[in-house]
Amino acid sequence: MSPRHGHGRTHRRGQGRPRTSRTRQLEDDGSWTVNARVEKFVEPALLLVLRDLPGHGYEIADEIESLLGGERVDLGNLYRLLRKMEEEELVSSTWTDGEQGKGKRTYEITASGLALLDGWIESLRHASSTIEAFIATATGEVQ
């Protein structure tokens, strides 16, 4: 196949290291390490966290990290997502006074956010069924 289709170009900018992606990496021993990721999963995790309890950024990030098995949440991206979701009226926020005059923005889910969470749950159920069927086919298991 041509280099356009991913064959032939195995090194990045002459570094001598095989190309990798966020989901897989070729190890030095020739084996592959795979990290199956659910893209955009922070959004439903965020909605779930806020469904159960309003919170501020660091609290929300800690809870999301727990849901994601300890995977680190980028705080900058989390705050951008919170602002975008607030503009879309999926979450709302209020300022609360903190210790030594430091205020915190506390976020909570709205009715529209709850409806979106329901949509995420349904979509993830479908994705889960698809993944289970794939694994069953790949391993020869009967469902």
C-alpha atoms as a PDB file:
ATOM      1  CA  MET A   1       0.000   0.000   0.000  1.00  0.00           C
ATOM      2  CA  SER A   2       1.004   3.595  -0.448  1.00  0.00           C
ATOM      3  CA  PRO A   3       2.259   5.817   2.397  1.00  0.00           C
ATOM      4  CA  ARG A   4      -1.127   7.598   2.275  1.00  0.00           C
ATOM      5  CA  HIS A   5      -2.752   4.515   3.751  1.00  0.00           C
ATOM      6  CA  GLY A   6      -0.422   4.260   6.716  1.00  0.00           C
ATOM      7  CA  HIS A   7       2.172   1.867   5.314  1.00  0.00           C
ATOM      8  CA  GLY A   8       5.690   2.861   4.439  1.00  0.00           C
ATOM      9  CA  ARG A   9       5.985   5.818   6.817  1.00  0.00           C
ATOM     10  CA  THR A  10       6.747   4.284  10.175  1.00  0.00           C
ATOM     11  CA  HIS A  11       8.986   6.961  11.673  1.00  0.00           C
ATOM     12  CA  ARG A  12       8.041  10.417  12.859  1.00  0.00           C
ATOM     13  CA  ARG A  13      10.300  13.203  11.608  1.00  0.00           C
ATOM     14  CA  GLY A  14      13.380  11.006  11.514  1.00  0.00           C
ATOM     15  CA  GLN A  15      13.277  10.193  15.213  1.00  0.00           C
ATOM     16  CA  GLY A  16      13.594   6.460  14.581  1.00  0.00           C
ATOM     17  CA  ARG A  17      10.582   5.682  16.779  1.00  0.00           C
ATOM     18  CA  PRO A  18       7.544   3.939  15.268  1.00  0.00           C
ATOM     19  CA  ARG A  19       4.360   5.984  14.984  1.00  0.00           C
ATOM     20  CA  THR A  20       1.896   5.624  17.816  1.00  0.00           C
ATOM     21  CA  SER A  21      -1.538   6.914  18.652  1.00  0.00           C
ATOM     22  CA  ARG A  22      -3.313   7.715  21.875  1.00  0.00           C
ATOM     23  CA  THR A  23      -4.807   4.221  21.916  1.00  0.00           C
ATOM     24  CA  ARG A  24      -1.854   2.035  21.002  1.00  0.00           C
ATOM     25  CA  GLN A  25       1.917   1.960  21.217  1.00  0.00           C
ATOM     26  CA  LEU A  26       4.505  -0.375  19.733  1.00  0.00           C
ATOM     27  CA  GLU A  27       6.875  -1.463  22.486  1.00  0.00           C
ATOM     28  CA  ASP A  28      10.623  -2.066  22.081  1.00  0.00           C
ATOM     29  CA  ASP A  29      10.063  -5.838  22.199  1.00  0.00           C
ATOM     30  CA  GLY A  30       7.693  -5.650  19.202  1.00  0.00           C
ATOM     31  CA  SER A  31       4.495  -6.116  21.214  1.00  0.00           C
ATOM     32  CA  TRP A  32       1.610  -3.665  21.248  1.00  0.00           C
ATOM     33  CA  THR A  33       0.226  -1.943  24.317  1.00  0.00           C
ATOM     34  CA  VAL A  34      -3.401  -0.945  23.777  1.00  0.00           C
ATOM     35  CA  ASN A  35      -5.350   1.588  25.829  1.00  0.00           C
ATOM     36  CA  ALA A  36      -9.003   1.366  24.806  1.00  0.00           C
ATOM     37  CA  ARG A  37     -10.400   4.854  25.349  1.00  0.00           C
ATOM     38  CA  VAL A  38     -13.903   6.186  25.313  1.00  0.00           C
ATOM     39  CA  GLU A  39     -13.490   9.558  23.653  1.00  0.00           C
ATOM     40  CA  LYS A  40     -15.404  12.470  25.096  1.00  0.00           C
ATOM     41  CA  PHE A  41     -16.196  10.429  28.214  1.00  0.00           C
ATOM     42  CA  VAL A  42     -15.452  13.368  30.514  1.00  0.00           C
ATOM     43  CA  GLU A  43     -18.760  14.986  29.535  1.00  0.00           C
ATOM     44  CA  PRO A  44     -21.059  12.176  30.722  1.00  0.00           C
ATOM     45  CA  ALA A  45     -18.848  11.657  33.782  1.00  0.00           C
ATOM     46  CA  LEU A  46     -19.157  15.354  34.591  1.00  0.00           C
ATOM     47  CA  LEU A  47     -22.934  15.237  34.235  1.00  0.00           C
ATOM     48  CA  LEU A  48     -23.118  12.157  36.455  1.00  0.00           C
ATOM     49  CA  VAL A  49     -20.970  13.786  39.142  1.00  0.00           C
ATOM     50  CA  LEU A  50     -23.139  16.923  39.112  1.00  0.00           C
ATOM     51  CA  ARG A  51     -26.326  14.856  39.149  1.00  0.00           C
ATOM     52  CA  ASP A  52     -25.312  13.487  42.525  1.00  0.00           C
ATOM     53  CA  LEU A  53     -23.878  16.627  44.092  1.00  0.00           C
ATOM     54  CA  PRO A  54     -23.051  20.213  43.078  1.00  0.00           C
ATOM     55  CA  GLY A  55     -19.358  21.012  43.339  1.00  0.00           C
ATOM     56  CA  HIS A  56     -16.466  23.218  42.343  1.00  0.00           C
ATOM     57  CA  GLY A  57     -13.758  22.443  39.807  1.00  0.00           C
ATOM     58  CA  TYR A  58     -11.266  20.508  41.926  1.00  0.00           C
ATOM     59  CA  GLU A  59     -14.003  18.438  43.606  1.00  0.00           C
ATOM     60  CA  ILE A  60     -15.546  17.667  40.225  1.00  0.00           C
ATOM     61  CA  ALA A  61     -12.158  16.712  38.758  1.00  0.00           C
ATOM     62  CA  ASP A  62     -11.454  14.347  41.677  1.00  0.00           C
ATOM     63  CA  GLU A  63     -14.829  12.632  41.269  1.00  0.00           C
ATOM     64  CA  ILE A  64     -14.406  12.293  37.493  1.00  0.00           C
ATOM     65  CA  GLU A  65     -10.940  10.797  37.991  1.00  0.00           C
ATOM     66  CA  SER A  66     -12.503   8.208  40.325  1.00  0.00           C
ATOM     67  CA  LEU A  67     -15.094   7.333  37.664  1.00  0.00           C
ATOM     68  CA  LEU A  68     -12.372   7.036  35.012  1.00  0.00           C
ATOM     69  CA  GLY A  69     -10.259   4.646  37.061  1.00  0.00           C
ATOM     70  CA  GLY A  70      -7.755   7.275  38.147  1.00  0.00           C
ATOM     71  CA  GLU A  71      -7.139   8.745  34.679  1.00  0.00           C
ATOM     72  CA  ARG A  72      -6.057  12.364  35.161  1.00  0.00           C
ATOM     73  CA  VAL A  73      -8.474  15.127  34.180  1.00  0.00           C
ATOM     74  CA  ASP A  74      -6.939  18.246  32.643  1.00  0.00           C
ATOM     75  CA  LEU A  75      -8.331  21.124  34.729  1.00  0.00           C
ATOM     76  CA  GLY A  76      -8.063  23.646  31.893  1.00  0.00           C
ATOM     77  CA  ASN A  77     -10.137  21.418  29.626  1.00  0.00           C
ATOM     78  CA  LEU A  78     -12.593  20.744  32.449  1.00  0.00           C
ATOM     79  CA  TYR A  79     -13.164  24.462  33.058  1.00  0.00           C
ATOM     80  CA  ARG A  80     -13.593  25.114  29.326  1.00  0.00           C
ATOM     81  CA  LEU A  81     -16.139  22.286  29.176  1.00  0.00           C
ATOM     82  CA  LEU A  82     -17.972  23.656  32.222  1.00  0.00           C
ATOM     83  CA  ARG A  83     -18.159  27.148  30.665  1.00  0.00           C
ATOM     84  CA  LYS A  84     -19.409  25.727  27.356  1.00  0.00           C
ATOM     85  CA  MET A  85     -22.005  23.582  29.111  1.00  0.00           C
ATOM     86  CA  GLU A  86     -23.118  26.594  31.135  1.00  0.00           C
ATOM     87  CA  GLU A  87     -23.590  28.584  27.901  1.00  0.00           C
ATOM     88  CA  GLU A  88     -25.697  25.669  26.620  1.00  0.00           C
ATOM     89  CA  GLU A  89     -27.694  25.722  29.889  1.00  0.00           C
ATOM     90  CA  LEU A  90     -26.704  22.155  30.755  1.00  0.00           C
ATOM     91  CA  VAL A  91     -25.121  23.284  34.032  1.00  0.00           C
ATOM     92  CA  SER A  92     -25.444  26.424  36.107  1.00  0.00           C
ATOM     93  CA  SER A  93     -23.040  28.010  38.558  1.00  0.00           C
ATOM     94  CA  THR A  94     -22.965  30.359  41.513  1.00  0.00           C
ATOM     95  CA  TRP A  95     -20.131  32.018  43.376  1.00  0.00           C
ATOM     96  CA  THR A  96     -19.699  31.036  47.007  1.00  0.00           C
ATOM     97  CA  ASP A  97     -17.479  32.771  49.537  1.00  0.00           C
ATOM     98  CA  GLY A  98     -14.517  30.741  50.645  1.00  0.00           C
ATOM     99  CA  GLU A  99     -11.926  30.965  53.351  1.00  0.00           C
ATOM    100  CA  GLN A 100      -9.740  34.093  53.406  1.00  0.00           C
ATOM    101  CA  GLY A 101     -11.908  35.803  50.791  1.00  0.00           C
ATOM    102  CA  LYS A 102     -11.273  33.230  48.058  1.00  0.00           C
ATOM    103  CA  GLY A 103     -14.557  32.572  46.322  1.00  0.00           C
ATOM    104  CA  LYS A 104     -15.352  29.398  44.447  1.00  0.00           C
ATOM    105  CA  ARG A 105     -17.675  28.803  41.550  1.00  0.00           C
ATOM    106  CA  THR A 106     -20.010  25.927  42.384  1.00  0.00           C
ATOM    107  CA  TYR A 107     -21.624  24.053  39.496  1.00  0.00           C
ATOM    108  CA  GLU A 108     -24.843  22.065  39.392  1.00  0.00           C
ATOM    109  CA  ILE A 109     -26.708  20.195  36.684  1.00  0.00           C
ATOM    110  CA  THR A 110     -29.880  21.633  35.092  1.00  0.00           C
ATOM    111  CA  ALA A 111     -32.969  19.814  33.802  1.00  0.00           C
ATOM    112  CA  SER A 112     -31.477  19.992  30.291  1.00  0.00           C
ATOM    113  CA  GLY A 113     -28.255  18.495  31.635  1.00  0.00           C
ATOM    114  CA  LEU A 114     -30.208  15.620  33.184  1.00  0.00           C
ATOM    115  CA  ALA A 115     -31.884  14.969  29.824  1.00  0.00           C
ATOM    116  CA  LEU A 116     -28.468  14.966  28.133  1.00  0.00           C
ATOM    117  CA  LEU A 117     -27.154  12.519  30.745  1.00  0.00           C
ATOM    118  CA  ASP A 118     -30.054  10.200  29.884  1.00  0.00           C
ATOM    119  CA  GLY A 119     -29.034  10.464  26.222  1.00  0.00           C
ATOM    120  CA  TRP A 120     -25.428   9.608  27.096  1.00  0.00           C
ATOM    121  CA  ILE A 121     -26.570   6.586  29.117  1.00  0.00           C
ATOM    122  CA  GLU A 122     -28.613   5.266  26.198  1.00  0.00           C
ATOM    123  CA  SER A 123     -25.798   5.868  23.728  1.00  0.00           C
ATOM    124  CA  LEU A 124     -23.257   4.174  26.020  1.00  0.00           C
ATOM    125  CA  ARG A 125     -25.579   1.172  26.441  1.00  0.00           C
ATOM    126  CA  HIS A 126     -25.649   0.816  22.654  1.00  0.00           C
ATOM    127  CA  ALA A 127     -21.863   1.208  22.419  1.00  0.00           C
ATOM    128  CA  SER A 128     -21.417  -1.362  25.197  1.00  0.00           C
ATOM    129  CA  SER A 129     -23.605  -3.882  23.327  1.00  0.00           C
ATOM    130  CA  THR A 130     -21.601  -3.299  20.155  1.00  0.00           C
ATOM    131  CA  ILE A 131     -18.317  -3.770  22.010  1.00  0.00           C
ATOM    132  CA  GLU A 132     -19.565  -6.937  23.742  1.00  0.00           C
ATOM    133  CA  ALA A 133     -20.666  -8.393  20.388  1.00  0.00           C
ATOM    134  CA  PHE A 134     -17.272  -7.538  18.878  1.00  0.00           C
ATOM    135  CA  ILE A 135     -15.396  -9.221  21.737  1.00  0.00           C
ATOM    136  CA  ALA A 136     -17.637 -12.291  21.530  1.00  0.00           C
ATOM    137  CA  THR A 137     -16.993 -12.577  17.799  1.00  0.00           C
ATOM    138  CA  ALA A 138     -13.258 -11.991  18.159  1.00  0.00           C
ATOM    139  CA  THR A 139     -12.861 -14.582  20.923  1.00  0.00           C
ATOM    140  CA  GLY A 140     -15.312 -17.144  19.541  1.00  0.00           C
ATOM    141  CA  GLU A 141     -17.637 -16.833  22.532  1.00  0.00           C
ATOM    142  CA  VAL A 142     -21.320 -17.508  22.015  1.00  0.00           C
ATOM    143  CA  GLN A 143     -23.677 -14.818  23.225  1.00  0.00           C
END
